[in-house]
PDB file of N, CA and C in Angstrom:
ATOM      1  N   UNK A   1    -168.052 251.331-104.502  1.00  0.00           N
ATOM      2  CA  UNK A   1    -166.704 251.170-103.859  1.00  0.00           C
ATOM      3  C   UNK A   1    -166.742 251.462-102.331  1.00  0.00           C
ATOM      4  N   UNK A   2    -166.081 250.902-101.545  1.00  0.00           N
ATOM      5  CA  UNK A   2    -166.067 251.098-100.003  1.00  0.00           C
ATOM      6  C   UNK A   2    -164.843 250.631 -99.477  1.00  0.00           C
ATOM      7  N   UNK A   3    -164.358 250.991 -98.160  1.00  0.00           N
ATOM      8  CA  UNK A   3    -163.331 250.428 -97.569  1.00  0.00           C
ATOM      9  C   UNK A   3    -163.580 249.488 -96.611  1.00  0.00           C
ATOM     10  N   UNK A   4    -164.855 248.922 -96.451  1.00  0.00           N
ATOM     11  CA  UNK A   4    -165.081 247.889 -95.582  1.00  0.00           C
ATOM     12  C   UNK A   4    -165.490 248.435 -94.166  1.00  0.00           C
ATOM     13  N   UNK A   5    -165.305 249.516 -93.715  1.00  0.00           N
ATOM     14  CA  UNK A   5    -165.580 249.920 -92.329  1.00  0.00           C
ATOM     15  C   UNK A   5    -167.058 250.034 -92.087  1.00  0.00           C
ATOM     16  N   UNK A   6    -167.871 250.154 -93.321  1.00  0.00           N
ATOM     17  CA  UNK A   6    -169.346 250.304 -92.878  1.00  0.00           C
ATOM     18  C   UNK A   6    -170.123 249.427 -93.726  1.00  0.00           C
ATOM     19  N   UNK A   7    -171.163 248.945 -93.345  1.00  0.00           N
ATOM     20  CA  UNK A   7    -172.179 248.214 -94.151  1.00  0.00           C
ATOM     21  C   UNK A   7    -173.479 249.135 -94.598  1.00  0.00           C
ATOM     22  N   UNK A   8    -173.757 249.222 -95.786  1.00  0.00           N
ATOM     23  CA  UNK A   8    -174.737 250.100 -96.332  1.00  0.00           C
ATOM     24  C   UNK A   8    -175.560 249.253 -97.150  1.00  0.00           C
ATOM     25  N   UNK A   9    -177.090 249.316 -97.085  1.00  0.00           N
ATOM     26  CA  UNK A   9    -177.867 248.628 -97.837  1.00  0.00           C
ATOM     27  C   UNK A   9    -177.531 248.247 -99.173  1.00  0.00           C
ATOM     28  N   UNK A  10    -177.110 249.444-100.018  1.00  0.00           N
ATOM     29  CA  UNK A  10    -176.651 248.843-101.517  1.00  0.00           C
ATOM     30  C   UNK A  10    -175.555 247.921-101.580  1.00  0.00           C
ATOM     31  N   UNK A  11    -174.706 248.063-100.522  1.00  0.00           N
ATOM     32  CA  UNK A  11    -173.679 246.952-100.588  1.00  0.00           C
ATOM     33  C   UNK A  11    -174.254 245.458-100.346  1.00  0.00           C
ATOM     34  N   UNK A  12    -175.127 245.505 -99.462  1.00  0.00           N
ATOM     35  CA  UNK A  12    -175.644 244.078 -99.132  1.00  0.00           C
ATOM     36  C   UNK A  12    -176.677 243.515 -99.978  1.00  0.00           C
ATOM     37  N   UNK A  13    -177.084 244.567-101.099  1.00  0.00           N
ATOM     38  CA  UNK A  13    -178.363 243.831-102.023  1.00  0.00           C
ATOM     39  C   UNK A  13    -177.840 242.926-102.949  1.00  0.00           C
ATOM     40  N   UNK A  14    -176.362 242.874-103.211  1.00  0.00           N
ATOM     41  CA  UNK A  14    -175.673 241.766-103.950  1.00  0.00           C
ATOM     42  C   UNK A  14    -175.910 241.899-105.497  1.00  0.00           C
ATOM     43  N   UNK A  15    -176.517 243.267-105.919  1.00  0.00           N
ATOM     44  CA  UNK A  15    -176.928 243.544-107.296  1.00  0.00           C
ATOM     45  C   UNK A  15    -175.545 244.024-108.238  1.00  0.00           C
ATOM     46  N   UNK A  16    -174.574 244.445-107.365  1.00  0.00           N
ATOM     47  CA  UNK A  16    -173.459 244.903-108.084  1.00  0.00           C
ATOM     48  C   UNK A  16    -172.187 244.370-107.272  1.00  0.00           C
ATOM     49  N   UNK A  17    -171.048 244.335-108.007  1.00  0.00           N
ATOM     50  CA  UNK A  17    -169.748 243.994-107.223  1.00  0.00           C
ATOM     51  C   UNK A  17    -169.400 245.040-106.314  1.00  0.00           C
ATOM     52  N   UNK A  18    -168.822 244.839-105.175  1.00  0.00           N
ATOM     53  CA  UNK A  18    -168.268 245.658-104.140  1.00  0.00           C
ATOM     54  C   UNK A  18    -166.790 245.742-104.308  1.00  0.00           C
ATOM     55  N   UNK A  19    -165.989 246.781-104.470  1.00  0.00           N
ATOM     56  CA  UNK A  19    -164.609 246.933-104.611  1.00  0.00           C
ATOM     57  C   UNK A  19    -164.124 247.795-103.329  1.00  0.00           C
ATOM     58  N   UNK A  20    -163.041 247.028-102.852  1.00  0.00           N
ATOM     59  CA  UNK A  20    -162.481 247.669-101.551  1.00  0.00           C
ATOM     60  C   UNK A  20    -161.585 248.578-101.958  1.00  0.00           C
ATOM     61  N   UNK A  21    -161.323 249.700-101.495  1.00  0.00           N
ATOM     62  CA  UNK A  21    -160.324 250.746-101.965  1.00  0.00           C
ATOM     63  C   UNK A  21    -159.833 251.168-100.595  1.00  0.00           C
ATOM     64  N   UNK A  22    -158.642 251.713-100.351  1.00  0.00           N
ATOM     65  CA  UNK A  22    -157.854 252.309 -99.445  1.00  0.00           C
ATOM     66  C   UNK A  22    -158.337 253.732 -99.100  1.00  0.00           C
ATOM     67  N   UNK A  23    -158.118 254.107 -97.895  1.00  0.00           N
ATOM     68  CA  UNK A  23    -158.409 255.502 -97.486  1.00  0.00           C
ATOM     69  C   UNK A  23    -157.746 256.511 -98.372  1.00  0.00           C
ATOM     70  N   UNK A  24    -156.333 256.273 -98.693  1.00  0.00           N
ATOM     71  CA  UNK A  24    -155.626 257.284 -99.032  1.00  0.00           C
ATOM     72  C   UNK A  24    -155.140 256.938-100.435  1.00  0.00           C
ATOM     73  N   UNK A  25    -154.983 255.719-100.833  1.00  0.00           N
ATOM     74  CA  UNK A  25    -154.516 255.213-102.046  1.00  0.00           C
ATOM     75  C   UNK A  25    -155.224 253.868-102.588  1.00  0.00           C
ATOM     76  N   UNK A  26    -155.155 253.609-103.817  1.00  0.00           N
ATOM     77  CA  UNK A  26    -155.796 252.669-104.183  1.00  0.00           C
ATOM     78  C   UNK A  26    -154.664 251.587-104.615  1.00  0.00           C
ATOM     79  N   UNK A  27    -154.718 250.235-103.946  1.00  0.00           N
ATOM     80  CA  UNK A  27    -153.848 249.381-104.432  1.00  0.00           C
ATOM     81  C   UNK A  27    -153.701 249.036-105.944  1.00  0.00           C
ATOM     82  N   UNK A  28    -152.690 248.673-106.223  1.00  0.00           N
ATOM     83  CA  UNK A  28    -152.233 248.419-107.682  1.00  0.00           C
ATOM     84  C   UNK A  28    -153.181 247.162-108.071  1.00  0.00           C
ATOM     85  N   UNK A  29    -153.366 246.166-107.527  1.00  0.00           N
ATOM     86  CA  UNK A  29    -154.285 244.997-107.824  1.00  0.00           C
ATOM     87  C   UNK A  29    -155.780 245.495-108.176  1.00  0.00           C
ATOM     88  N   UNK A  30    -156.085 246.541-107.298  1.00  0.00           N
ATOM     89  CA  UNK A  30    -157.445 247.014-107.539  1.00  0.00           C
ATOM     90  C   UNK A  30    -157.654 247.848-108.973  1.00  0.00           C
ATOM     91  N   UNK A  31    -156.600 248.540-109.003  1.00  0.00           N
ATOM     92  CA  UNK A  31    -156.423 249.442-110.190  1.00  0.00           C
ATOM     93  C   UNK A  31    -156.604 248.366-111.529  1.00  0.00           C
ATOM     94  N   UNK A  32    -155.762 247.414-111.481  1.00  0.00           N
ATOM     95  CA  UNK A  32    -155.595 246.372-112.576  1.00  0.00           C
ATOM     96  C   UNK A  32    -157.000 245.780-112.823  1.00  0.00           C
ATOM     97  N   UNK A  33    -157.851 245.250-111.616  1.00  0.00           N
ATOM     98  CA  UNK A  33    -158.983 244.705-111.578  1.00  0.00           C
ATOM     99  C   UNK A  33    -159.916 245.616-112.323  1.00  0.00           C
ATOM    100  N   UNK A  34    -159.948 246.823-112.078  1.00  0.00           N
ATOM    101  CA  UNK A  34    -160.978 247.929-112.697  1.00  0.00           C
ATOM    102  C   UNK A  34    -160.796 248.132-114.058  1.00  0.00           C
ATOM    103  N   UNK A  35    -159.286 248.151-114.546  1.00  0.00           N
ATOM    104  CA  UNK A  35    -159.086 248.330-115.951  1.00  0.00           C
ATOM    105  C   UNK A  35    -159.481 247.244-116.842  1.00  0.00           C
ATOM    106  N   UNK A  36    -159.319 246.058-116.210  1.00  0.00           N
ATOM    107  CA  UNK A  36    -159.717 244.683-117.206  1.00  0.00           C
ATOM    108  C   UNK A  36    -161.158 244.337-117.000  1.00  0.00           C
ATOM    109  N   UNK A  37    -161.848 244.921-115.970  1.00  0.00           N
ATOM    110  CA  UNK A  37    -163.226 244.546-115.997  1.00  0.00           C
ATOM    111  C   UNK A  37    -164.112 245.308-116.787  1.00  0.00           C
ATOM    112  N   UNK A  38    -163.888 246.517-117.312  1.00  0.00           N
ATOM    113  CA  UNK A  38    -164.648 247.197-118.298  1.00  0.00           C
ATOM    114  C   UNK A  38    -165.742 248.049-117.541  1.00  0.00           C
ATOM    115  N   UNK A  39    -165.426 248.342-116.203  1.00  0.00           N
ATOM    116  CA  UNK A  39    -166.387 249.179-115.416  1.00  0.00           C
ATOM    117  C   UNK A  39    -166.439 250.442-116.028  1.00  0.00           C
ATOM    118  N   UNK A  40    -167.363 251.232-116.339  1.00  0.00           N
ATOM    119  CA  UNK A  40    -167.500 252.607-116.867  1.00  0.00           C
ATOM    120  C   UNK A  40    -167.986 253.718-115.709  1.00  0.00           C
ATOM    121  N   UNK A  41    -168.828 253.104-114.863  1.00  0.00           N
ATOM    122  CA  UNK A  41    -169.169 253.895-113.599  1.00  0.00           C
ATOM    123  C   UNK A  41    -169.114 253.107-112.360  1.00  0.00           C
ATOM    124  N   UNK A  42    -168.873 254.050-111.242  1.00  0.00           N
ATOM    125  CA  UNK A  42    -168.672 253.498-110.141  1.00  0.00           C
ATOM    126  C   UNK A  42    -169.527 254.390-109.002  1.00  0.00           C
ATOM    127  N   UNK A  43    -169.875 253.496-107.995  1.00  0.00           N
ATOM    128  CA  UNK A  43    -170.478 254.369-106.847  1.00  0.00           C
ATOM    129  C   UNK A  43    -169.747 254.149-105.746  1.00  0.00           C
ATOM    130  N   UNK A  44    -169.220 255.439-105.062  1.00  0.00           N
ATOM    131  CA  UNK A  44    -168.623 255.430-103.692  1.00  0.00           C
ATOM    132  C   UNK A  44    -169.535 255.577-102.704  1.00  0.00           C
ATOM    133  N   UNK A  45    -169.534 254.553-101.817  1.00  0.00           N
ATOM    134  CA  UNK A  45    -170.326 254.754-100.418  1.00  0.00           C
ATOM    135  C   UNK A  45    -169.695 255.574 -99.515  1.00  0.00           C
ATOM    136  N   UNK A  46    -170.600 256.769 -99.164  1.00  0.00           N
ATOM    137  CA  UNK A  46    -170.035 257.683 -98.246  1.00  0.00           C
ATOM    138  C   UNK A  46    -168.699 258.670 -98.804  1.00  0.00           C
ATOM    139  N   UNK A  47    -168.506 259.605 -98.230  1.00  0.00           N
ATOM    140  CA  UNK A  47    -167.547 260.674 -98.788  1.00  0.00           C
ATOM    141  C   UNK A  47    -166.241 260.649 -98.228  1.00  0.00           C
ATOM    142  N   UNK A  48    -166.088 259.642 -97.381  1.00  0.00           N
ATOM    143  CA  UNK A  48    -164.675 259.445 -96.461  1.00  0.00           C
ATOM    144  C   UNK A  48    -163.632 259.071 -97.446  1.00  0.00           C
ATOM    145  N   UNK A  49    -163.938 258.372 -98.592  1.00  0.00           N
ATOM    146  CA  UNK A  49    -162.773 257.923 -99.371  1.00  0.00           C
ATOM    147  C   UNK A  49    -162.724 258.800-100.753  1.00  0.00           C
ATOM    148  N   UNK A  50    -163.098 259.981-100.786  1.00  0.00           N
ATOM    149  CA  UNK A  50    -163.211 260.846-101.860  1.00  0.00           C
ATOM    150  C   UNK A  50    -161.838 260.816-102.554  1.00  0.00           C
ATOM    151  N   UNK A  51    -160.722 261.206-101.650  1.00  0.00           N
ATOM    152  CA  UNK A  51    -159.369 261.226-102.550  1.00  0.00           C
ATOM    153  C   UNK A  51    -159.143 260.048-103.475  1.00  0.00           C
ATOM    154  N   UNK A  52    -159.349 258.602-102.664  1.00  0.00           N
ATOM    155  CA  UNK A  52    -159.044 257.467-103.668  1.00  0.00           C
ATOM    156  C   UNK A  52    -160.077 257.557-104.774  1.00  0.00           C
ATOM    157  N   UNK A  53    -161.266 257.921-104.504  1.00  0.00           N
ATOM    158  CA  UNK A  53    -162.118 257.856-105.824  1.00  0.00           C
ATOM    159  C   UNK A  53    -161.923 258.976-106.796  1.00  0.00           C
ATOM    160  N   UNK A  54    -161.244 260.077-106.426  1.00  0.00           N
ATOM    161  CA  UNK A  54    -160.766 260.711-107.361  1.00  0.00           C
ATOM    162  C   UNK A  54    -159.550 260.379-108.138  1.00  0.00           C
ATOM    163  N   UNK A  55    -158.754 259.703-107.499  1.00  0.00           N
ATOM    164  CA  UNK A  55    -157.469 259.135-108.120  1.00  0.00           C
ATOM    165  C   UNK A  55    -158.097 258.083-109.202  1.00  0.00           C
ATOM    166  N   UNK A  56    -159.078 257.327-108.656  1.00  0.00           N
ATOM    167  CA  UNK A  56    -159.592 256.388-109.762  1.00  0.00           C
ATOM    168  C   UNK A  56    -160.109 257.174-111.023  1.00  0.00           C
ATOM    169  N   UNK A  57    -160.799 258.116-110.647  1.00  0.00           N
ATOM    170  CA  UNK A  57    -161.516 258.605-111.959  1.00  0.00           C
ATOM    171  C   UNK A  57    -160.417 259.327-112.686  1.00  0.00           C
ATOM    172  N   UNK A  58    -159.427 259.891-112.256  1.00  0.00           N
ATOM    173  CA  UNK A  58    -158.292 260.341-112.886  1.00  0.00           C
ATOM    174  C   UNK A  58    -157.346 259.577-113.573  1.00  0.00           C
ATOM    175  N   UNK A  59    -156.996 258.507-113.068  1.00  0.00           N
ATOM    176  CA  UNK A  59    -156.182 257.581-113.384  1.00  0.00           C
ATOM    177  C   UNK A  59    -156.841 256.558-114.420  1.00  0.00           C
ATOM    178  N   UNK A  60    -157.868 255.962-113.906  1.00  0.00           N
ATOM    179  CA  UNK A  60    -158.633 254.961-114.913  1.00  0.00           C
ATOM    180  C   UNK A  60    -159.750 255.418-115.821  1.00  0.00           C
ATOM    181  N   UNK A  61    -160.153 256.826-115.646  1.00  0.00           N
ATOM    182  CA  UNK A  61    -161.131 257.378-116.508  1.00  0.00           C
ATOM    183  C   UNK A  61    -162.506 257.018-116.571  1.00  0.00           C
ATOM    184  N   UNK A  62    -162.907 256.324-115.251  1.00  0.00           N
ATOM    185  CA  UNK A  62    -164.368 256.000-115.234  1.00  0.00           C
ATOM    186  C   UNK A  62    -164.943 257.061-114.180  1.00  0.00           C
ATOM    187  N   UNK A  63    -166.325 257.067-114.459  1.00  0.00           N
ATOM    188  CA  UNK A  63    -167.086 258.124-113.887  1.00  0.00           C
ATOM    189  C   UNK A  63    -167.295 257.626-112.354  1.00  0.00           C
ATOM    190  N   UNK A  64    -167.287 258.625-111.335  1.00  0.00           N
ATOM    191  CA  UNK A  64    -167.568 258.019-109.890  1.00  0.00           C
ATOM    192  C   UNK A  64    -168.649 258.957-109.242  1.00  0.00           C
ATOM    193  N   UNK A  65    -169.705 258.351-108.777  1.00  0.00           N
ATOM    194  CA  UNK A  65    -170.817 259.041-108.296  1.00  0.00           C
ATOM    195  C   UNK A  65    -170.648 258.784-106.601  1.00  0.00           C
ATOM    196  N   UNK A  66    -170.840 259.603-105.929  1.00  0.00           N
ATOM    197  CA  UNK A  66    -170.668 259.516-104.490  1.00  0.00           C
ATOM    198  C   UNK A  66    -172.075 259.699-103.894  1.00  0.00           C
ATOM    199  N   UNK A  67    -172.336 258.479-103.095  1.00  0.00           N
ATOM    200  CA  UNK A  67    -173.696 258.227-102.446  1.00  0.00           C
ATOM    201  C   UNK A  67    -173.208 258.582-100.979  1.00  0.00           C
ATOM    202  N   UNK A  68    -173.700 259.981-100.639  1.00  0.00           N
ATOM    203  CA  UNK A  68    -173.382 260.376 -99.318  1.00  0.00           C
ATOM    204  C   UNK A  68    -174.602 260.680 -98.410  1.00  0.00           C
ATOM    205  N   UNK A  69    -175.737 260.382 -98.939  1.00  0.00           N
ATOM    206  CA  UNK A  69    -176.904 260.788 -98.085  1.00  0.00           C
ATOM    207  C   UNK A  69    -178.096 260.136 -98.769  1.00  0.00           C
ATOM    208  N   UNK A  70    -179.340 260.186 -97.917  1.00  0.00           N
ATOM    209  CA  UNK A  70    -180.648 259.656 -98.523  1.00  0.00           C
ATOM    210  C   UNK A  70    -181.691 260.393 -98.090  1.00  0.00           C
ATOM    211  N   UNK A  71    -182.914 260.237 -98.534  1.00  0.00           N
ATOM    212  CA  UNK A  71    -183.968 261.225 -98.715  1.00  0.00           C
ATOM    213  C   UNK A  71    -184.497 260.976 -97.257  1.00  0.00           C
ATOM    214  N   UNK A  72    -185.220 261.768 -96.758  1.00  0.00           N
ATOM    215  CA  UNK A  72    -186.034 261.686 -95.134  1.00  0.00           C
ATOM    216  C   UNK A  72    -186.917 260.513 -95.264  1.00  0.00           C
ATOM    217  N   UNK A  73    -186.947 260.045 -94.245  1.00  0.00           N
ATOM    218  CA  UNK A  73    -187.895 259.046 -93.826  1.00  0.00           C
ATOM    219  C   UNK A  73    -189.208 259.476 -93.657  1.00  0.00           C
ATOM    220  N   UNK A  74    -189.297 260.698 -92.940  1.00  0.00           N
ATOM    221  CA  UNK A  74    -190.398 261.236 -92.698  1.00  0.00           C
ATOM    222  C   UNK A  74    -190.546 262.673 -93.211  1.00  0.00           C
ATOM    223  N   UNK A  75    -190.826 262.939 -94.404  1.00  0.00           N
ATOM    224  CA  UNK A  75    -190.809 264.107 -95.270  1.00  0.00           C
ATOM    225  C   UNK A  75    -191.850 265.088 -94.541  1.00  0.00           C
ATOM    226  N   UNK A  76    -191.301 266.161 -94.391  1.00  0.00           N
ATOM    227  CA  UNK A  76    -192.227 267.260 -93.872  1.00  0.00           C
ATOM    228  C   UNK A  76    -192.174 268.457 -94.670  1.00  0.00           C
ATOM    229  N   UNK A  77    -193.022 269.102 -95.163  1.00  0.00           N
ATOM    230  CA  UNK A  77    -193.222 270.285 -95.992  1.00  0.00           C
ATOM    231  C   UNK A  77    -192.872 269.908 -97.302  1.00  0.00           C
ATOM    232  N   UNK A  78    -192.816 270.972 -98.185  1.00  0.00           N
ATOM    233  CA  UNK A  78    -192.498 270.754 -99.661  1.00  0.00           C
ATOM    234  C   UNK A  78    -191.080 270.411 -99.856  1.00  0.00           C
ATOM    235  N   UNK A  79    -190.231 270.723 -99.090  1.00  0.00           N
ATOM    236  CA  UNK A  79    -188.857 270.105 -99.449  1.00  0.00           C
ATOM    237  C   UNK A  79    -188.320 269.296 -98.340  1.00  0.00           C
ATOM    238  N   UNK A  80    -188.166 268.163 -98.670  1.00  0.00           N
ATOM    239  CA  UNK A  80    -187.725 267.124 -97.631  1.00  0.00           C
ATOM    240  C   UNK A  80    -186.230 267.271 -97.045  1.00  0.00           C
ATOM    241  N   UNK A  81    -185.905 266.914 -96.003  1.00  0.00           N
ATOM    242  CA  UNK A  81    -184.486 267.157 -95.488  1.00  0.00           C
ATOM    243  C   UNK A  81    -183.691 265.881 -96.103  1.00  0.00           C
ATOM    244  N   UNK A  82    -182.582 266.116 -96.201  1.00  0.00           N
ATOM    245  CA  UNK A  82    -181.731 264.835 -96.450  1.00  0.00           C
ATOM    246  C   UNK A  82    -180.949 264.215 -95.167  1.00  0.00           C
ATOM    247  N   UNK A  83    -180.893 262.989 -95.131  1.00  0.00           N
ATOM    248  CA  UNK A  83    -180.376 262.205 -93.906  1.00  0.00           C
ATOM    249  C   UNK A  83    -178.963 261.557 -94.322  1.00  0.00           C
ATOM    250  N   UNK A  84    -178.313 261.375 -93.334  1.00  0.00           N
ATOM    251  CA  UNK A  84    -176.939 260.566 -93.641  1.00  0.00           C
ATOM    252  C   UNK A  84    -177.232 259.127 -93.783  1.00  0.00           C
ATOM    253  N   UNK A  85    -176.531 258.595 -94.567  1.00  0.00           N
ATOM    254  CA  UNK A  85    -176.530 257.125 -94.831  1.00  0.00           C
ATOM    255  C   UNK A  85    -176.850 256.198 -93.712  1.00  0.00           C
ATOM    256  N   UNK A  86    -177.372 255.331 -93.694  1.00  0.00           N
ATOM    257  CA  UNK A  86    -177.589 254.128 -92.627  1.00  0.00           C
ATOM    258  C   UNK A  86    -176.242 253.405 -92.735  1.00  0.00           C
ATOM    259  N   UNK A  87    -175.391 253.549 -91.824  1.00  0.00           N
ATOM    260  CA  UNK A  87    -174.092 252.885 -91.989  1.00  0.00           C
ATOM    261  C   UNK A  87    -173.942 252.264 -90.507  1.00  0.00           C
ATOM    262  N   UNK A  88    -173.373 250.962 -90.597  1.00  0.00           N
ATOM    263  CA  UNK A  88    -173.144 250.278 -89.413  1.00  0.00           C
ATOM    264  C   UNK A  88    -171.933 249.987 -89.427  1.00  0.00           C
ATOM    265  N   UNK A  89    -171.023 250.446 -88.387  1.00  0.00           N
ATOM    266  CA  UNK A  89    -169.590 250.301 -88.108  1.00  0.00           C
ATOM    267  C   UNK A  89    -169.298 248.800 -87.861  1.00  0.00           C
ATOM    268  N   UNK A  90    -168.132 248.444 -88.533  1.00  0.00           N
ATOM    269  CA  UNK A  90    -167.703 246.993 -88.453  1.00  0.00           C
ATOM    270  C   UNK A  90    -166.432 247.283 -87.399  1.00  0.00           C
ATOM    271  N   UNK A  91    -166.292 246.101 -86.396  1.00  0.00           N
ATOM    272  CA  UNK A  91    -165.193 246.051 -85.539  1.00  0.00           C
ATOM    273  C   UNK A  91    -163.833 246.035 -86.151  1.00  0.00           C
ATOM    274  N   UNK A  92    -162.935 246.820 -85.594  1.00  0.00           N
ATOM    275  CA  UNK A  92    -161.602 246.918 -86.221  1.00  0.00           C
ATOM    276  C   UNK A  92    -160.760 246.485 -85.038  1.00  0.00           C
ATOM    277  N   UNK A  93    -159.774 245.520 -85.405  1.00  0.00           N
ATOM    278  CA  UNK A  93    -158.895 244.680 -84.769  1.00  0.00           C
ATOM    279  C   UNK A  93    -157.429 245.206 -84.996  1.00  0.00           C
ATOM    280  N   UNK A  94    -156.702 245.356 -83.993  1.00  0.00           N
ATOM    281  CA  UNK A  94    -155.333 245.825 -84.193  1.00  0.00           C
ATOM    282  C   UNK A  94    -154.415 244.505 -83.958  1.00  0.00           C
ATOM    283  N   UNK A  95    -153.847 244.153 -84.983  1.00  0.00           N
ATOM    284  CA  UNK A  95    -152.993 242.985 -84.923  1.00  0.00           C
ATOM    285  C   UNK A  95    -151.583 243.328 -84.306  1.00  0.00           C
ATOM    286  N   UNK A  96    -151.179 242.893 -83.220  1.00  0.00           N
ATOM    287  CA  UNK A  96    -150.046 243.110 -82.662  1.00  0.00           C
ATOM    288  C   UNK A  96    -149.199 241.752 -82.651  1.00  0.00           C
ATOM    289  N   UNK A  97    -148.152 241.667 -83.691  1.00  0.00           N
ATOM    290  CA  UNK A  97    -147.302 240.390 -83.941  1.00  0.00           C
ATOM    291  C   UNK A  97    -145.901 240.878 -83.601  1.00  0.00           C
ATOM    292  N   UNK A  98    -145.320 239.675 -83.041  1.00  0.00           N
ATOM    293  CA  UNK A  98    -143.926 240.059 -82.988  1.00  0.00           C
ATOM    294  C   UNK A  98    -143.111 238.605 -83.164  1.00  0.00           C
ATOM    295  N   UNK A  99    -141.711 238.866 -83.300  1.00  0.00           N
ATOM    296  CA  UNK A  99    -140.917 237.436 -83.452  1.00  0.00           C
ATOM    297  C   UNK A  99    -140.827 236.767 -82.148  1.00  0.00           C
ATOM    298  N   UNK A 100    -141.133 235.628 -81.953  1.00  0.00           N
ATOM    299  CA  UNK A 100    -140.936 235.041 -80.588  1.00  0.00           C
ATOM    300  C   UNK A 100    -139.577 234.371 -80.579  1.00  0.00           C
ATOM    301  N   UNK A 101    -139.183 233.747 -81.736  1.00  0.00           N
ATOM    302  CA  UNK A 101    -137.771 233.060 -81.998  1.00  0.00           C
ATOM    303  C   UNK A 101    -137.731 232.670 -83.385  1.00  0.00           C
ATOM    304  N   UNK A 102    -136.217 232.487 -83.556  1.00  0.00           N
ATOM    305  CA  UNK A 102    -135.839 232.277 -85.098  1.00  0.00           C
ATOM    306  C   UNK A 102    -134.998 231.005 -84.941  1.00  0.00           C
ATOM    307  N   UNK A 103    -135.191 230.073 -86.005  1.00  0.00           N
ATOM    308  CA  UNK A 103    -134.165 228.907 -86.126  1.00  0.00           C
ATOM    309  C   UNK A 103    -133.658 228.851 -87.662  1.00  0.00           C
ATOM    310  N   UNK A 104    -132.605 228.524 -87.891  1.00  0.00           N
ATOM    311  CA  UNK A 104    -132.165 228.318 -89.150  1.00  0.00           C
ATOM    312  C   UNK A 104    -132.088 226.753 -89.524  1.00  0.00           C
ATOM    313  N   UNK A 105    -132.822 226.280 -90.515  1.00  0.00           N
ATOM    314  CA  UNK A 105    -132.812 224.976 -90.839  1.00  0.00           C
ATOM    315  C   UNK A 105    -131.549 224.637 -91.901  1.00  0.00           C
ATOM    316  N   UNK A 106    -130.473 223.940 -91.464  1.00  0.00           N
ATOM    317  CA  UNK A 106    -129.437 223.640 -92.397  1.00  0.00           C
ATOM    318  C   UNK A 106    -129.826 222.915 -93.494  1.00  0.00           C
ATOM    319  N   UNK A 107    -130.748 221.868 -93.409  1.00  0.00           N
ATOM    320  CA  UNK A 107    -131.220 221.102 -94.503  1.00  0.00           C
ATOM    321  C   UNK A 107    -131.794 221.637 -95.515  1.00  0.00           C
ATOM    322  N   UNK A 108    -132.696 222.750 -95.303  1.00  0.00           N
ATOM    323  CA  UNK A 108    -133.416 223.434 -96.437  1.00  0.00           C
ATOM    324  C   UNK A 108    -132.607 224.680 -96.503  1.00  0.00           C
ATOM    325  N   UNK A 109    -131.918 225.240 -95.779  1.00  0.00           N
ATOM    326  CA  UNK A 109    -131.382 226.552 -96.102  1.00  0.00           C
ATOM    327  C   UNK A 109    -132.261 227.645 -95.683  1.00  0.00           C
ATOM    328  N   UNK A 110    -133.239 227.430 -95.100  1.00  0.00           N
ATOM    329  CA  UNK A 110    -134.402 228.577 -94.720  1.00  0.00           C
ATOM    330  C   UNK A 110    -134.464 228.958 -93.172  1.00  0.00           C
ATOM    331  N   UNK A 111    -135.016 230.154 -92.955  1.00  0.00           N
ATOM    332  CA  UNK A 111    -135.181 230.470 -91.644  1.00  0.00           C
ATOM    333  C   UNK A 111    -136.652 229.894 -91.269  1.00  0.00           C
ATOM    334  N   UNK A 112    -136.747 229.446 -90.119  1.00  0.00           N
ATOM    335  CA  UNK A 112    -138.232 229.171 -89.368  1.00  0.00           C
ATOM    336  C   UNK A 112    -138.664 230.190 -88.302  1.00  0.00           C
TER     337      UNK A 112
END
């Protein structure tokens, strides 16, 4: 599970489906898909969406594992340090739309 803000290696592997969830809520369509898919376990990429993942676990009854770190690339000593996931931010665009004009079509009875 992810919100699409980051690309992480396990998302790009293509081995498992990727489900996009919201930061604070899980859209009803996503909940319905999870219910009908038969998933028993999910993996959340990063810990930014922990509230949404908790809601999925409570409401849908599937286990959620949080992948928030990876082992050290250069282990030193008997206990290796843990590093942050390799995440690549995706650009975000703000859509600013407004109404330029409105026309009423008498023939169809609809607004244009």
